[in-house]
Amino acid sequence: MARKRTSPPRQTQAKGARVVSAYLENADVFRTAKSAGTKPKGPAVLVLKNRPDFDRRDFDRKARDLQRLGQDGALKKAPSDRDSNKVYDPSTGKRRTRTNIYRDRMIRSLTKDGRLTQDMGTPETNKYLANKNVVERLYAGKGPITARGQGYDPDHIQELQLDGTDTYDNLRPMDAWTNRQLGSDISVALRDVPEGTPVIVKVIP
């Protein structure tokens, strides 16, 4: 019987190695089953751990929500067809992801003010000035991100790769660096897990 993993993969513990924010506690079970062409019984146990370079508040909120969803039986490994998440955007006449549409709608909502411009008024009277930092981080999130605090991404509260719905009520702003790195680590952790496998989440404080 394969032993459960209680610590991150060995290569992540070496001095100077990249810290992994997500790993599979029972990875050996799924790796062995994949090699044997069989399907393991029981759920995949996904462990989430905050990284020093993450936005702690955003990580904690995300991890708690995924842990709760796992306890409710809502998480499972989803198919990886990302193009199916694109929808028609009447404002551009093109098919776009809901995350990009959501970002643009937030920017419009936070800056819309027909009476004032960014050069007039005060944060109390000018909507643009009041939301300037948030708007700038939403714009920054459209491009490359190299550290926390540089930008915001629309984040799926329940990850699409964990069978979340691509709907606006499943989106909220999240630190872009934390979002992208955590999502990537989760994807790597689940690579040997068959589609449809239930997933539960443990969080290391």
N, C-alpha and C. Protein backbone atom coordinates (compact mmCIF):
# COMPACT_ATOMS: atom_id res chain seq x y z
N MET A 1 0.85 -1.20 0.00
CA MET A 1 0.00 0.00 0.00
C MET A 1 0.88 1.25 0.00
N ALA A 2 0.63 2.15 -0.93
CA ALA A 2 1.44 3.36 -1.02
C ALA A 2 1.17 4.26 0.18
N ARG A 3 2.23 4.88 0.69
CA ARG A 3 2.08 5.76 1.83
C ARG A 3 1.62 7.14 1.40
N LYS A 4 0.82 7.78 2.24
CA LYS A 4 0.37 9.13 1.96
C LYS A 4 1.52 10.11 2.16
N ARG A 5 1.58 11.09 1.27
CA ARG A 5 2.61 12.11 1.40
C ARG A 5 2.16 13.14 2.44
N THR A 6 3.01 13.42 3.40
CA THR A 6 2.66 14.38 4.45
C THR A 6 3.50 15.65 4.37
N SER A 7 4.37 15.74 3.38
CA SER A 7 5.19 16.93 3.18
C SER A 7 5.32 17.18 1.69
N PRO A 8 5.73 18.39 1.29
CA PRO A 8 5.86 18.68 -0.14
C PRO A 8 6.86 17.75 -0.81
N PRO A 9 6.79 17.62 -2.14
CA PRO A 9 7.75 16.79 -2.86
C PRO A 9 9.18 17.13 -2.49
N ARG A 10 10.04 16.11 -2.47
CA ARG A 10 11.40 16.27 -1.97
C ARG A 10 12.16 17.39 -2.67
N GLN A 11 11.97 17.53 -4.00
CA GLN A 11 12.75 18.52 -4.72
C GLN A 11 12.42 19.95 -4.30
N THR A 12 11.24 20.15 -3.70
CA THR A 12 10.87 21.50 -3.29
C THR A 12 11.45 21.85 -1.93
N GLN A 13 12.03 20.87 -1.23
CA GLN A 13 12.55 21.14 0.10
C GLN A 13 14.04 21.48 0.09
N ALA A 14 14.69 21.29 -1.05
CA ALA A 14 16.11 21.59 -1.14
C ALA A 14 16.34 23.08 -0.97
N LYS A 15 17.48 23.43 -0.44
CA LYS A 15 17.80 24.83 -0.21
C LYS A 15 17.79 25.60 -1.52
N GLY A 16 17.04 26.71 -1.54
CA GLY A 16 16.98 27.54 -2.73
C GLY A 16 15.98 27.06 -3.77
N ALA A 17 15.32 25.92 -3.52
CA ALA A 17 14.36 25.39 -4.49
C ALA A 17 13.08 26.21 -4.45
N ARG A 18 12.35 26.20 -5.57
CA ARG A 18 11.08 26.89 -5.65
C ARG A 18 10.07 26.22 -4.71
N VAL A 19 9.38 27.03 -3.93
CA VAL A 19 8.38 26.50 -3.01
C VAL A 19 7.09 26.21 -3.78
N VAL A 20 6.53 25.04 -3.57
CA VAL A 20 5.30 24.64 -4.24
C VAL A 20 4.12 24.91 -3.33
N SER A 21 3.07 25.53 -3.89
CA SER A 21 1.91 25.89 -3.07
C SER A 21 0.81 24.84 -3.11
N ALA A 22 0.95 23.83 -3.97
CA ALA A 22 -0.07 22.78 -4.06
C ALA A 22 0.60 21.46 -4.43
N TYR A 23 0.26 20.42 -3.72
CA TYR A 23 0.76 19.09 -4.06
C TYR A 23 -0.28 18.06 -3.63
N LEU A 24 -0.15 16.86 -4.17
CA LEU A 24 -1.11 15.80 -3.89
C LEU A 24 -0.58 14.92 -2.77
N GLU A 25 -1.34 14.82 -1.70
CA GLU A 25 -0.91 14.02 -0.56
C GLU A 25 -0.79 12.55 -0.93
N ASN A 26 -1.69 12.07 -1.78
CA ASN A 26 -1.66 10.67 -2.21
C ASN A 26 -1.23 10.54 -3.67
N ALA A 27 -0.23 11.34 -4.05
CA ALA A 27 0.25 11.34 -5.44
C ALA A 27 0.75 9.97 -5.88
N ASP A 28 1.40 9.24 -4.97
CA ASP A 28 1.95 7.92 -5.32
C ASP A 28 0.85 6.96 -5.75
N VAL A 29 -0.31 7.07 -5.12
CA VAL A 29 -1.44 6.20 -5.46
C VAL A 29 -1.87 6.43 -6.91
N PHE A 30 -1.98 7.69 -7.29
CA PHE A 30 -2.44 8.01 -8.64
C PHE A 30 -1.35 7.76 -9.68
N ARG A 31 -0.11 7.97 -9.31
CA ARG A 31 0.99 7.71 -10.24
C ARG A 31 1.09 6.21 -10.53
N THR A 32 0.95 5.41 -9.49
CA THR A 32 1.01 3.95 -9.66
C THR A 32 -0.15 3.45 -10.50
N ALA A 33 -1.35 3.98 -10.24
CA ALA A 33 -2.53 3.57 -10.99
C ALA A 33 -2.41 3.95 -12.46
N LYS A 34 -1.86 5.13 -12.72
CA LYS A 34 -1.69 5.57 -14.10
C LYS A 34 -0.74 4.65 -14.86
N SER A 35 0.34 4.25 -14.20
CA SER A 35 1.31 3.35 -14.82
C SER A 35 0.71 1.98 -15.08
N ALA A 36 -0.17 1.55 -14.18
CA ALA A 36 -0.79 0.22 -14.30
C ALA A 36 -2.04 0.23 -15.17
N GLY A 37 -2.49 1.42 -15.56
CA GLY A 37 -3.70 1.51 -16.37
C GLY A 37 -4.97 1.25 -15.59
N THR A 38 -4.91 1.48 -14.28
CA THR A 38 -6.09 1.27 -13.44
C THR A 38 -6.56 2.60 -12.86
N LYS A 39 -7.73 2.58 -12.24
CA LYS A 39 -8.28 3.79 -11.63
C LYS A 39 -8.32 3.62 -10.12
N PRO A 40 -7.64 4.48 -9.39
CA PRO A 40 -7.62 4.33 -7.92
C PRO A 40 -8.96 4.66 -7.29
N LYS A 41 -9.21 4.05 -6.14
CA LYS A 41 -10.42 4.34 -5.40
C LYS A 41 -10.18 5.54 -4.49
N GLY A 42 -11.25 6.24 -4.19
CA GLY A 42 -11.14 7.34 -3.25
C GLY A 42 -10.77 8.64 -3.93
N PRO A 43 -10.86 9.75 -3.19
CA PRO A 43 -10.59 11.07 -3.75
C PRO A 43 -9.10 11.40 -3.82
N ALA A 44 -8.78 12.37 -4.64
CA ALA A 44 -7.44 12.96 -4.63
C ALA A 44 -7.39 13.96 -3.49
N VAL A 45 -6.32 13.93 -2.72
CA VAL A 45 -6.19 14.83 -1.56
C VAL A 45 -5.20 15.93 -1.93
N LEU A 46 -5.73 17.10 -2.22
CA LEU A 46 -4.93 18.25 -2.64
C LEU A 46 -4.55 19.09 -1.42
N VAL A 47 -3.26 19.29 -1.23
CA VAL A 47 -2.77 20.08 -0.10
C VAL A 47 -2.34 21.45 -0.60
N LEU A 48 -2.84 22.50 0.03
CA LEU A 48 -2.50 23.87 -0.33
C LEU A 48 -1.68 24.51 0.78
N LYS A 49 -0.63 25.20 0.39
CA LYS A 49 0.25 25.84 1.38
C LYS A 49 0.66 27.22 0.87
N ASN A 50 0.52 28.21 1.72
CA ASN A 50 0.89 29.57 1.34
C ASN A 50 2.38 29.67 1.04
N ARG A 51 2.72 30.46 0.02
CA ARG A 51 4.11 30.73 -0.31
C ARG A 51 4.49 32.13 0.17
N PRO A 52 5.75 32.34 0.53
CA PRO A 52 6.17 33.66 1.02
C PRO A 52 5.94 34.79 0.02
N ASP A 53 5.91 34.46 -1.27
CA ASP A 53 5.73 35.50 -2.29
C ASP A 53 4.27 35.73 -2.64
N PHE A 54 3.35 35.07 -1.95
CA PHE A 54 1.92 35.22 -2.22
C PHE A 54 1.32 36.36 -1.40
N ASP A 55 0.19 36.86 -1.88
CA ASP A 55 -0.65 37.74 -1.07
C ASP A 55 -1.37 36.85 -0.07
N ARG A 56 -1.03 36.96 1.20
CA ARG A 56 -1.52 36.01 2.21
C ARG A 56 -3.05 36.06 2.33
N ARG A 57 -3.60 37.26 2.31
CA ARG A 57 -5.05 37.39 2.47
C ARG A 57 -5.78 36.69 1.33
N ASP A 58 -5.32 36.92 0.10
CA ASP A 58 -5.99 36.31 -1.05
C ASP A 58 -5.80 34.80 -1.07
N PHE A 59 -4.60 34.33 -0.69
CA PHE A 59 -4.39 32.89 -0.63
C PHE A 59 -5.31 32.25 0.40
N ASP A 60 -5.37 32.82 1.59
CA ASP A 60 -6.19 32.25 2.66
C ASP A 60 -7.66 32.17 2.25
N ARG A 61 -8.15 33.22 1.62
CA ARG A 61 -9.55 33.23 1.20
C ARG A 61 -9.80 32.15 0.15
N LYS A 62 -8.90 32.05 -0.82
CA LYS A 62 -9.04 31.05 -1.88
C LYS A 62 -8.96 29.63 -1.30
N ALA A 63 -7.98 29.40 -0.44
CA ALA A 63 -7.79 28.06 0.13
C ALA A 63 -8.99 27.64 0.98
N ARG A 64 -9.52 28.57 1.77
CA ARG A 64 -10.68 28.25 2.62
C ARG A 64 -11.89 27.89 1.76
N ASP A 65 -12.09 28.63 0.68
CA ASP A 65 -13.24 28.35 -0.18
C ASP A 65 -13.11 26.99 -0.86
N LEU A 66 -11.90 26.66 -1.34
CA LEU A 66 -11.71 25.36 -1.97
C LEU A 66 -11.85 24.23 -0.95
N GLN A 67 -11.38 24.46 0.26
CA GLN A 67 -11.52 23.45 1.30
C GLN A 67 -13.00 23.19 1.59
N ARG A 68 -13.77 24.26 1.69
CA ARG A 68 -15.21 24.12 1.94
C ARG A 68 -15.91 23.41 0.79
N LEU A 69 -15.57 23.78 -0.44
CA LEU A 69 -16.18 23.15 -1.61
C LEU A 69 -15.85 21.66 -1.67
N GLY A 70 -14.62 21.32 -1.28
CA GLY A 70 -14.24 19.91 -1.24
C GLY A 70 -15.03 19.14 -0.21
N GLN A 71 -15.25 19.75 0.95
CA GLN A 71 -16.04 19.12 2.00
C GLN A 71 -17.49 18.93 1.56
N ASP A 72 -17.96 19.83 0.70
CA ASP A 72 -19.34 19.74 0.19
C ASP A 72 -19.46 18.76 -0.98
N GLY A 73 -18.35 18.18 -1.40
CA GLY A 73 -18.38 17.23 -2.51
C GLY A 73 -18.50 17.88 -3.88
N ALA A 74 -18.12 19.16 -3.97
CA ALA A 74 -18.30 19.89 -5.23
C ALA A 74 -17.09 19.85 -6.15
N LEU A 75 -15.95 19.37 -5.66
CA LEU A 75 -14.72 19.41 -6.45
C LEU A 75 -14.43 18.07 -7.12
N LYS A 76 -14.04 18.14 -8.38
CA LYS A 76 -13.54 16.97 -9.09
C LYS A 76 -12.64 17.44 -10.22
N LYS A 77 -11.76 16.55 -10.67
CA LYS A 77 -10.86 16.90 -11.77
C LYS A 77 -11.69 17.07 -13.04
N ALA A 78 -11.56 18.25 -13.66
CA ALA A 78 -12.37 18.58 -14.83
C ALA A 78 -11.58 18.39 -16.12
N PRO A 79 -12.28 18.24 -17.26
CA PRO A 79 -11.60 18.20 -18.56
C PRO A 79 -10.85 19.51 -18.81
N SER A 80 -9.88 19.48 -19.70
CA SER A 80 -9.02 20.65 -19.90
C SER A 80 -9.33 21.42 -21.18
N ASP A 81 -10.57 21.39 -21.63
CA ASP A 81 -10.95 22.12 -22.85
C ASP A 81 -11.19 23.58 -22.52
N ARG A 82 -10.13 24.39 -22.59
CA ARG A 82 -10.24 25.79 -22.20
C ARG A 82 -11.03 26.62 -23.20
N ASP A 83 -11.01 26.24 -24.50
CA ASP A 83 -11.68 27.06 -25.51
C ASP A 83 -13.19 27.07 -25.31
N SER A 84 -13.71 26.04 -24.65
CA SER A 84 -15.15 25.97 -24.43
C SER A 84 -15.62 27.05 -23.47
N ASN A 85 -14.68 27.72 -22.78
CA ASN A 85 -15.04 28.76 -21.82
C ASN A 85 -15.17 30.14 -22.47
N LYS A 86 -14.98 30.21 -23.78
CA LYS A 86 -15.12 31.49 -24.46
C LYS A 86 -16.58 31.74 -24.84
N VAL A 87 -16.99 33.00 -24.73
CA VAL A 87 -18.36 33.38 -25.06
C VAL A 87 -18.33 34.60 -25.98
N TYR A 88 -19.44 34.84 -26.64
CA TYR A 88 -19.53 35.98 -27.54
C TYR A 88 -19.69 37.27 -26.73
N ASP A 89 -18.85 38.25 -27.05
CA ASP A 89 -18.89 39.54 -26.38
C ASP A 89 -19.46 40.57 -27.35
N PRO A 90 -20.70 41.02 -27.15
CA PRO A 90 -21.32 41.96 -28.09
C PRO A 90 -20.59 43.30 -28.18
N SER A 91 -19.84 43.67 -27.14
CA SER A 91 -19.14 44.96 -27.17
C SER A 91 -17.96 44.95 -28.14
N THR A 92 -17.43 43.76 -28.44
CA THR A 92 -16.30 43.66 -29.37
C THR A 92 -16.64 42.85 -30.62
N GLY A 93 -17.74 42.09 -30.55
CA GLY A 93 -18.10 41.24 -31.68
C GLY A 93 -17.22 40.01 -31.81
N LYS A 94 -16.50 39.66 -30.73
CA LYS A 94 -15.58 38.53 -30.76
C LYS A 94 -15.90 37.56 -29.63
N ARG A 95 -15.36 36.34 -29.76
CA ARG A 95 -15.44 35.38 -28.67
C ARG A 95 -14.29 35.64 -27.70
N ARG A 96 -14.62 35.82 -26.44
CA ARG A 96 -13.62 36.12 -25.42
C ARG A 96 -13.92 35.30 -24.17
N THR A 97 -12.91 35.18 -23.31
CA THR A 97 -13.15 34.50 -22.04
C THR A 97 -13.96 35.41 -21.12
N ARG A 98 -14.75 34.80 -20.26
CA ARG A 98 -15.54 35.59 -19.32
C ARG A 98 -14.64 36.37 -18.37
N THR A 99 -13.46 35.85 -18.09
CA THR A 99 -12.56 36.58 -17.19
C THR A 99 -12.16 37.92 -17.78
N ASN A 100 -11.89 37.96 -19.08
CA ASN A 100 -11.52 39.22 -19.72
C ASN A 100 -12.70 40.18 -19.79
N ILE A 101 -13.88 39.64 -20.08
CA ILE A 101 -15.08 40.48 -20.11
C ILE A 101 -15.36 41.04 -18.71
N TYR A 102 -15.22 40.19 -17.70
CA TYR A 102 -15.45 40.60 -16.31
C TYR A 102 -14.48 41.71 -15.92
N ARG A 103 -13.20 41.57 -16.31
CA ARG A 103 -12.20 42.59 -15.99
C ARG A 103 -12.59 43.94 -16.60
N ASP A 104 -12.96 43.93 -17.89
CA ASP A 104 -13.32 45.17 -18.56
C ASP A 104 -14.57 45.80 -17.96
N ARG A 105 -15.52 44.97 -17.56
CA ARG A 105 -16.73 45.51 -16.94
C ARG A 105 -16.41 46.16 -15.59
N MET A 106 -15.51 45.55 -14.84
CA MET A 106 -15.10 46.14 -13.56
C MET A 106 -14.44 47.49 -13.77
N ILE A 107 -13.56 47.56 -14.77
CA ILE A 107 -12.86 48.82 -15.05
C ILE A 107 -13.86 49.90 -15.44
N ARG A 108 -14.81 49.55 -16.30
CA ARG A 108 -15.82 50.54 -16.71
C ARG A 108 -16.66 50.98 -15.52
N SER A 109 -17.02 50.03 -14.67
CA SER A 109 -17.85 50.36 -13.51
C SER A 109 -17.11 51.27 -12.53
N LEU A 110 -15.81 51.05 -12.37
CA LEU A 110 -15.04 51.81 -11.39
C LEU A 110 -14.62 53.19 -11.90
N THR A 111 -14.68 53.41 -13.20
CA THR A 111 -14.22 54.69 -13.75
C THR A 111 -15.34 55.52 -14.35
N LYS A 112 -16.52 54.96 -14.48
CA LYS A 112 -17.61 55.67 -15.15
C LYS A 112 -18.07 56.87 -14.33
N ASP A 113 -17.92 58.05 -14.89
CA ASP A 113 -18.40 59.27 -14.25
C ASP A 113 -18.50 60.34 -15.33
N GLY A 114 -19.68 60.64 -15.77
CA GLY A 114 -19.85 61.56 -16.88
C GLY A 114 -19.56 63.01 -16.55
N ARG A 115 -19.47 63.36 -15.28
CA ARG A 115 -19.30 64.77 -14.91
C ARG A 115 -17.86 65.16 -14.61
N LEU A 116 -17.04 64.19 -14.23
CA LEU A 116 -15.68 64.51 -13.81
C LEU A 116 -14.66 63.70 -14.61
N THR A 117 -13.46 64.20 -14.70
CA THR A 117 -12.35 63.47 -15.31
C THR A 117 -11.35 63.15 -14.22
N GLN A 118 -10.31 62.41 -14.58
CA GLN A 118 -9.32 62.01 -13.59
C GLN A 118 -8.53 63.21 -13.06
N ASP A 119 -8.62 64.36 -13.73
CA ASP A 119 -7.88 65.55 -13.30
C ASP A 119 -8.71 66.50 -12.46
N MET A 120 -9.94 66.11 -12.17
CA MET A 120 -10.83 67.01 -11.44
C MET A 120 -11.35 66.36 -10.16
N GLY A 121 -11.60 67.17 -9.16
CA GLY A 121 -12.24 66.68 -7.96
C GLY A 121 -11.28 66.02 -6.98
N THR A 122 -11.85 65.31 -6.02
CA THR A 122 -11.11 64.62 -4.97
C THR A 122 -11.57 63.17 -4.94
N PRO A 123 -10.86 62.30 -4.21
CA PRO A 123 -11.31 60.91 -4.10
C PRO A 123 -12.73 60.78 -3.56
N GLU A 124 -13.18 61.79 -2.80
CA GLU A 124 -14.53 61.74 -2.25
C GLU A 124 -15.58 62.06 -3.32
N THR A 125 -15.22 62.84 -4.33
CA THR A 125 -16.20 63.26 -5.33
C THR A 125 -15.95 62.68 -6.71
N ASN A 126 -14.77 62.14 -6.95
CA ASN A 126 -14.40 61.65 -8.27
C ASN A 126 -14.21 60.14 -8.21
N LYS A 127 -15.06 59.41 -8.92
CA LYS A 127 -15.03 57.95 -8.86
C LYS A 127 -13.70 57.39 -9.37
N TYR A 128 -13.13 58.03 -10.39
CA TYR A 128 -11.86 57.55 -10.93
C TYR A 128 -10.76 57.63 -9.86
N LEU A 129 -10.65 58.78 -9.20
CA LEU A 129 -9.61 58.95 -8.20
C LEU A 129 -9.80 58.00 -7.02
N ALA A 130 -11.05 57.79 -6.63
CA ALA A 130 -11.34 56.92 -5.50
C ALA A 130 -10.90 55.49 -5.77
N ASN A 131 -10.97 55.06 -7.02
CA ASN A 131 -10.67 53.68 -7.37
C ASN A 131 -9.39 53.55 -8.20
N LYS A 132 -8.58 54.59 -8.21
CA LYS A 132 -7.42 54.66 -9.09
C LYS A 132 -6.49 53.45 -8.92
N ASN A 133 -6.17 53.09 -7.69
CA ASN A 133 -5.23 51.99 -7.45
C ASN A 133 -5.79 50.66 -7.95
N VAL A 134 -7.07 50.42 -7.68
CA VAL A 134 -7.70 49.18 -8.12
C VAL A 134 -7.74 49.10 -9.64
N VAL A 135 -8.11 50.22 -10.27
CA VAL A 135 -8.19 50.25 -11.73
C VAL A 135 -6.83 50.01 -12.36
N GLU A 136 -5.80 50.64 -11.81
CA GLU A 136 -4.45 50.46 -12.36
C GLU A 136 -3.99 49.01 -12.23
N ARG A 137 -4.35 48.36 -11.13
CA ARG A 137 -3.96 46.96 -10.95
C ARG A 137 -4.76 46.03 -11.86
N LEU A 138 -6.00 46.40 -12.16
CA LEU A 138 -6.78 45.61 -13.11
C LEU A 138 -6.18 45.72 -14.51
N TYR A 139 -5.78 46.94 -14.89
CA TYR A 139 -5.12 47.12 -16.18
C TYR A 139 -3.80 46.36 -16.22
N ALA A 140 -3.03 46.44 -15.14
CA ALA A 140 -1.72 45.77 -15.09
C ALA A 140 -1.87 44.27 -15.24
N GLY A 141 -2.98 43.73 -14.74
CA GLY A 141 -3.21 42.29 -14.83
C GLY A 141 -3.42 41.79 -16.25
N LYS A 142 -3.59 42.69 -17.20
CA LYS A 142 -3.73 42.28 -18.59
C LYS A 142 -2.39 41.82 -19.18
N GLY A 143 -1.31 42.18 -18.53
CA GLY A 143 0.02 41.84 -19.04
C GLY A 143 0.77 40.90 -18.13
N PRO A 144 2.08 40.76 -18.36
CA PRO A 144 2.91 39.87 -17.52
C PRO A 144 2.98 40.37 -16.08
N ILE A 145 3.04 39.44 -15.15
CA ILE A 145 3.13 39.75 -13.72
C ILE A 145 4.33 38.98 -13.16
N THR A 146 5.16 39.67 -12.39
CA THR A 146 6.37 39.02 -11.85
C THR A 146 6.42 38.99 -10.33
N ALA A 147 5.45 39.60 -9.66
CA ALA A 147 5.45 39.61 -8.20
C ALA A 147 4.07 39.99 -7.69
N ARG A 148 3.81 39.70 -6.43
CA ARG A 148 2.53 40.06 -5.84
C ARG A 148 2.39 41.58 -5.77
N GLY A 149 1.15 42.02 -5.80
CA GLY A 149 0.88 43.44 -5.68
C GLY A 149 0.95 44.22 -6.98
N GLN A 150 1.32 43.55 -8.08
CA GLN A 150 1.46 44.27 -9.35
C GLN A 150 0.14 44.40 -10.10
N GLY A 151 -0.77 43.47 -9.89
CA GLY A 151 -2.01 43.52 -10.66
C GLY A 151 -3.08 42.63 -10.06
N TYR A 152 -4.29 42.79 -10.60
CA TYR A 152 -5.43 41.95 -10.22
C TYR A 152 -5.86 41.09 -11.40
N ASP A 153 -6.28 39.87 -11.11
CA ASP A 153 -6.92 39.00 -12.09
C ASP A 153 -8.35 38.71 -11.62
N PRO A 154 -9.29 38.53 -12.56
CA PRO A 154 -10.56 37.91 -12.18
C PRO A 154 -10.27 36.43 -11.92
N ASP A 155 -10.59 35.96 -10.75
CA ASP A 155 -10.28 34.58 -10.37
C ASP A 155 -11.56 33.77 -10.21
N HIS A 156 -11.54 32.53 -10.70
CA HIS A 156 -12.67 31.63 -10.47
C HIS A 156 -12.59 31.12 -9.03
N ILE A 157 -13.60 31.41 -8.24
CA ILE A 157 -13.63 30.99 -6.84
C ILE A 157 -13.48 29.48 -6.76
N GLN A 158 -14.28 28.76 -7.54
CA GLN A 158 -14.06 27.33 -7.72
C GLN A 158 -13.34 27.16 -9.04
N GLU A 159 -12.10 26.72 -8.98
CA GLU A 159 -11.25 26.60 -10.16
C GLU A 159 -11.95 25.83 -11.28
N LEU A 160 -11.77 26.29 -12.52
CA LEU A 160 -12.32 25.55 -13.65
C LEU A 160 -11.76 24.14 -13.70
N GLN A 161 -10.48 23.99 -13.35
CA GLN A 161 -9.86 22.67 -13.37
C GLN A 161 -10.38 21.77 -12.26
N LEU A 162 -11.15 22.36 -11.33
CA LEU A 162 -11.81 21.60 -10.28
C LEU A 162 -13.33 21.63 -10.47
N ASP A 163 -13.73 21.69 -11.74
CA ASP A 163 -15.13 21.61 -12.15
C ASP A 163 -15.95 22.83 -11.74
N GLY A 164 -15.30 23.99 -11.63
CA GLY A 164 -16.04 25.22 -11.37
C GLY A 164 -16.76 25.69 -12.61
N THR A 165 -17.80 26.48 -12.42
CA THR A 165 -18.56 27.02 -13.55
C THR A 165 -17.94 28.32 -14.04
N ASP A 166 -17.94 28.50 -15.35
CA ASP A 166 -17.41 29.74 -15.92
C ASP A 166 -18.54 30.75 -16.00
N THR A 167 -18.93 31.26 -14.83
CA THR A 167 -20.02 32.22 -14.72
C THR A 167 -19.54 33.42 -13.92
N TYR A 168 -20.21 34.55 -14.11
CA TYR A 168 -19.76 35.77 -13.45
C TYR A 168 -19.88 35.69 -11.93
N ASP A 169 -20.85 34.92 -11.44
CA ASP A 169 -20.99 34.81 -9.98
C ASP A 169 -19.93 33.89 -9.37
N ASN A 170 -19.09 33.28 -10.21
CA ASN A 170 -17.98 32.47 -9.73
C ASN A 170 -16.65 33.21 -9.90
N LEU A 171 -16.72 34.51 -10.13
CA LEU A 171 -15.52 35.32 -10.33
C LEU A 171 -15.40 36.41 -9.27
N ARG A 172 -14.17 36.73 -8.91
CA ARG A 172 -13.89 37.87 -8.04
C ARG A 172 -12.42 38.26 -8.24
N PRO A 173 -12.06 39.49 -7.93
CA PRO A 173 -10.67 39.92 -8.12
C PRO A 173 -9.73 39.22 -7.13
N MET A 174 -8.53 38.92 -7.61
CA MET A 174 -7.51 38.29 -6.77
C MET A 174 -6.15 38.78 -7.22
N ASP A 175 -5.21 38.86 -6.30
CA ASP A 175 -3.85 39.22 -6.67
C ASP A 175 -3.38 38.34 -7.82
N ALA A 176 -2.93 38.96 -8.90
CA ALA A 176 -2.65 38.21 -10.13
C ALA A 176 -1.52 37.20 -9.97
N TRP A 177 -0.45 37.59 -9.27
CA TRP A 177 0.68 36.67 -9.08
C TRP A 177 0.24 35.44 -8.29
N THR A 178 -0.47 35.66 -7.19
CA THR A 178 -0.94 34.56 -6.36
C THR A 178 -1.88 33.66 -7.15
N ASN A 179 -2.78 34.26 -7.90
CA ASN A 179 -3.74 33.50 -8.70
C ASN A 179 -3.04 32.62 -9.73
N ARG A 180 -2.12 33.18 -10.47
CA ARG A 180 -1.48 32.44 -11.56
C ARG A 180 -0.56 31.34 -11.05
N GLN A 181 0.19 31.65 -10.00
CA GLN A 181 1.12 30.66 -9.47
C GLN A 181 0.37 29.51 -8.79
N LEU A 182 -0.65 29.83 -8.01
CA LEU A 182 -1.42 28.80 -7.34
C LEU A 182 -2.15 27.92 -8.35
N GLY A 183 -2.75 28.55 -9.36
CA GLY A 183 -3.45 27.78 -10.39
C GLY A 183 -2.52 26.84 -11.12
N SER A 184 -1.31 27.31 -11.41
CA SER A 184 -0.32 26.47 -12.09
C SER A 184 0.11 25.30 -11.21
N ASP A 185 0.33 25.57 -9.93
CA ASP A 185 0.75 24.51 -9.01
C ASP A 185 -0.35 23.45 -8.84
N ILE A 186 -1.60 23.90 -8.80
CA ILE A 186 -2.72 22.95 -8.70
C ILE A 186 -2.77 22.07 -9.94
N SER A 187 -2.58 22.67 -11.11
CA SER A 187 -2.61 21.92 -12.36
C SER A 187 -1.54 20.83 -12.37
N VAL A 188 -0.34 21.18 -11.94
CA VAL A 188 0.76 20.20 -11.89
C VAL A 188 0.44 19.10 -10.88
N ALA A 189 -0.12 19.48 -9.74
CA ALA A 189 -0.43 18.50 -8.70
C ALA A 189 -1.46 17.47 -9.19
N LEU A 190 -2.36 17.89 -10.07
CA LEU A 190 -3.45 17.01 -10.51
C LEU A 190 -3.15 16.30 -11.83
N ARG A 191 -1.93 16.39 -12.33
CA ARG A 191 -1.65 15.90 -13.68
C ARG A 191 -1.88 14.39 -13.84
N ASP A 192 -1.69 13.61 -12.78
CA ASP A 192 -1.89 12.16 -12.88
C ASP A 192 -3.28 11.72 -12.41
N VAL A 193 -4.12 12.68 -12.08
CA VAL A 193 -5.46 12.37 -11.58
C VAL A 193 -6.44 12.28 -12.75
N PRO A 194 -7.17 11.17 -12.89
CA PRO A 194 -8.12 11.02 -14.00
C PRO A 194 -9.27 12.04 -13.90
N GLU A 195 -9.77 12.45 -15.05
CA GLU A 195 -10.92 13.35 -15.07
C GLU A 195 -12.10 12.71 -14.35
N GLY A 196 -12.83 13.52 -13.60
CA GLY A 196 -13.99 13.03 -12.87
C GLY A 196 -13.69 12.56 -11.46
N THR A 197 -12.40 12.49 -11.10
CA THR A 197 -12.03 12.04 -9.76
C THR A 197 -12.39 13.10 -8.71
N PRO A 198 -13.09 12.73 -7.64
CA PRO A 198 -13.38 13.70 -6.57
C PRO A 198 -12.09 14.22 -5.94
N VAL A 199 -12.12 15.47 -5.52
CA VAL A 199 -10.95 16.10 -4.90
C VAL A 199 -11.36 16.72 -3.57
N ILE A 200 -10.58 16.45 -2.54
CA ILE A 200 -10.76 17.15 -1.27
C ILE A 200 -9.50 17.97 -1.01
N VAL A 201 -9.63 19.00 -0.21
CA VAL A 201 -8.53 19.95 -0.01
C VAL A 201 -8.15 20.05 1.46
N LYS A 202 -6.86 19.99 1.70
CA LYS A 202 -6.31 20.27 3.03
C LYS A 202 -5.49 21.55 2.93
N VAL A 203 -5.51 22.35 3.97
CA VAL A 203 -4.77 23.62 3.96
C VAL A 203 -3.76 23.61 5.09
N ILE A 204 -2.51 23.90 4.75
CA ILE A 204 -1.46 24.04 5.76
C ILE A 204 -1.37 25.51 6.14
N PRO A 205 -1.62 25.86 7.39
CA PRO A 205 -1.61 27.27 7.82
C PRO A 205 -0.25 27.92 7.57
